[in-house]
């Protein structure tokens, strides 16, 4: 008799957990644009870095640092 009561309590608890999990709103996932930044390649050393962190020149060339943009070694 006690075993049946424990099994019943376990089944009710499992059903409660599954229903709560099913009805909970899904977590918002960022769009691909937010997760992946466009990458560019440094003309001098070949390093790939996010476009917003790169130094861009007028002729659409990108560099990873000021020294590479100037042509210093």
C-alpha atoms as a PDB file:
ATOM      1  CA  UNK A   1       0.000   0.000   0.000  1.00  0.00           C
ATOM      2  CA  UNK A   2       2.813   2.434   0.877  1.00  0.00           C
ATOM      3  CA  UNK A   3       4.652   1.517  -2.329  1.00  0.00           C
ATOM      4  CA  UNK A   4       1.608   2.357  -4.457  1.00  0.00           C
ATOM      5  CA  UNK A   5       1.303   5.712  -2.695  1.00  0.00           C
ATOM      6  CA  UNK A   6       4.987   6.515  -3.355  1.00  0.00           C
ATOM      7  CA  UNK A   7       4.652   5.545  -7.025  1.00  0.00           C
ATOM      8  CA  UNK A   8       1.521   7.697  -7.341  1.00  0.00           C
ATOM      9  CA  UNK A   9       3.275  10.677  -5.729  1.00  0.00           C
ATOM     10  CA  UNK A  10       6.227  10.178  -8.104  1.00  0.00           C
ATOM     11  CA  UNK A  11       3.967  10.058 -11.156  1.00  0.00           C
ATOM     12  CA  UNK A  12       2.092  13.186 -10.079  1.00  0.00           C
ATOM     13  CA  UNK A  13       5.417  14.980  -9.497  1.00  0.00           C
ATOM     14  CA  UNK A  14       6.720  13.898 -12.901  1.00  0.00           C
ATOM     15  CA  UNK A  15       3.520  15.025 -14.621  1.00  0.00           C
ATOM     16  CA  UNK A  16       3.711  18.397 -12.829  1.00  0.00           C
ATOM     17  CA  UNK A  17       7.342  18.853 -13.907  1.00  0.00           C
ATOM     18  CA  UNK A  18       6.623  17.945 -17.546  1.00  0.00           C
ATOM     19  CA  UNK A  19       3.575  20.214 -17.767  1.00  0.00           C
ATOM     20  CA  UNK A  20       5.464  23.165 -16.255  1.00  0.00           C
ATOM     21  CA  UNK A  21       8.371  22.592 -18.642  1.00  0.00           C
ATOM     22  CA  UNK A  22       6.054  22.355 -21.655  1.00  0.00           C
ATOM     23  CA  UNK A  23       4.134  25.525 -20.766  1.00  0.00           C
ATOM     24  CA  UNK A  24       7.203  27.646 -19.924  1.00  0.00           C
ATOM     25  CA  UNK A  25       8.136  30.220 -22.585  1.00  0.00           C
ATOM     26  CA  UNK A  26      11.165  29.356 -24.673  1.00  0.00           C
ATOM     27  CA  UNK A  27      14.258  31.468 -23.962  1.00  0.00           C
ATOM     28  CA  UNK A  28      14.858  34.156 -26.563  1.00  0.00           C
ATOM     29  CA  UNK A  29      17.720  33.339 -28.905  1.00  0.00           C
ATOM     30  CA  UNK A  30      19.721  36.080 -30.576  1.00  0.00           C
ATOM     31  CA  UNK A  31      19.480  36.436 -34.328  1.00  0.00           C
ATOM     32  CA  UNK A  32      22.402  35.262 -36.430  1.00  0.00           C
ATOM     33  CA  UNK A  33      23.416  38.878 -37.051  1.00  0.00           C
ATOM     34  CA  UNK A  34      23.886  39.358 -33.311  1.00  0.00           C
ATOM     35  CA  UNK A  35      25.880  36.183 -32.805  1.00  0.00           C
ATOM     36  CA  UNK A  36      28.193  36.329 -35.811  1.00  0.00           C
ATOM     37  CA  UNK A  37      30.026  39.513 -36.766  1.00  0.00           C
ATOM     38  CA  UNK A  38      31.333  39.864 -40.328  1.00  0.00           C
ATOM     39  CA  UNK A  39      35.028  39.023 -40.443  1.00  0.00           C
ATOM     40  CA  UNK A  40      37.787  40.660 -42.507  1.00  0.00           C
ATOM     41  CA  UNK A  41      41.411  39.719 -43.167  1.00  0.00           C
ATOM     42  CA  UNK A  42      44.381  41.933 -42.364  1.00  0.00           C
ATOM     43  CA  UNK A  43      46.197  42.784 -45.621  1.00  0.00           C
ATOM     44  CA  UNK A  44      49.577  42.662 -43.884  1.00  0.00           C
ATOM     45  CA  UNK A  45      49.617  39.568 -41.651  1.00  0.00           C
ATOM     46  CA  UNK A  46      46.464  37.665 -42.678  1.00  0.00           C
ATOM     47  CA  UNK A  47      44.818  37.779 -39.251  1.00  0.00           C
ATOM     48  CA  UNK A  48      41.024  37.463 -39.345  1.00  0.00           C
ATOM     49  CA  UNK A  49      39.160  39.829 -37.023  1.00  0.00           C
ATOM     50  CA  UNK A  50      35.666  41.337 -36.694  1.00  0.00           C
ATOM     51  CA  UNK A  51      35.041  44.121 -39.200  1.00  0.00           C
ATOM     52  CA  UNK A  52      34.104  46.651 -36.504  1.00  0.00           C
ATOM     53  CA  UNK A  53      37.514  46.162 -34.812  1.00  0.00           C
ATOM     54  CA  UNK A  54      39.551  46.464 -38.020  1.00  0.00           C
ATOM     55  CA  UNK A  55      41.207  49.620 -39.347  1.00  0.00           C
ATOM     56  CA  UNK A  56      39.781  50.333 -42.806  1.00  0.00           C
ATOM     57  CA  UNK A  57      41.457  52.404 -45.509  1.00  0.00           C
ATOM     58  CA  UNK A  58      39.722  54.189 -48.367  1.00  0.00           C
ATOM     59  CA  UNK A  59      40.586  51.483 -50.924  1.00  0.00           C
ATOM     60  CA  UNK A  60      38.601  48.873 -48.919  1.00  0.00           C
ATOM     61  CA  UNK A  61      41.651  47.299 -47.304  1.00  0.00           C
ATOM     62  CA  UNK A  62      41.541  46.242 -43.672  1.00  0.00           C
ATOM     63  CA  UNK A  63      44.317  46.030 -41.081  1.00  0.00           C
ATOM     64  CA  UNK A  64      44.491  44.641 -37.558  1.00  0.00           C
ATOM     65  CA  UNK A  65      46.528  47.499 -36.032  1.00  0.00           C
ATOM     66  CA  UNK A  66      47.904  50.969 -36.740  1.00  0.00           C
ATOM     67  CA  UNK A  67      51.415  49.672 -37.439  1.00  0.00           C
ATOM     68  CA  UNK A  68      50.186  47.370 -40.203  1.00  0.00           C
ATOM     69  CA  UNK A  69      48.045  50.164 -41.681  1.00  0.00           C
ATOM     70  CA  UNK A  70      51.124  52.444 -41.821  1.00  0.00           C
ATOM     71  CA  UNK A  71      53.288  49.656 -43.265  1.00  0.00           C
ATOM     72  CA  UNK A  72      55.668  49.432 -40.290  1.00  0.00           C
ATOM     73  CA  UNK A  73      57.131  46.071 -39.324  1.00  0.00           C
END
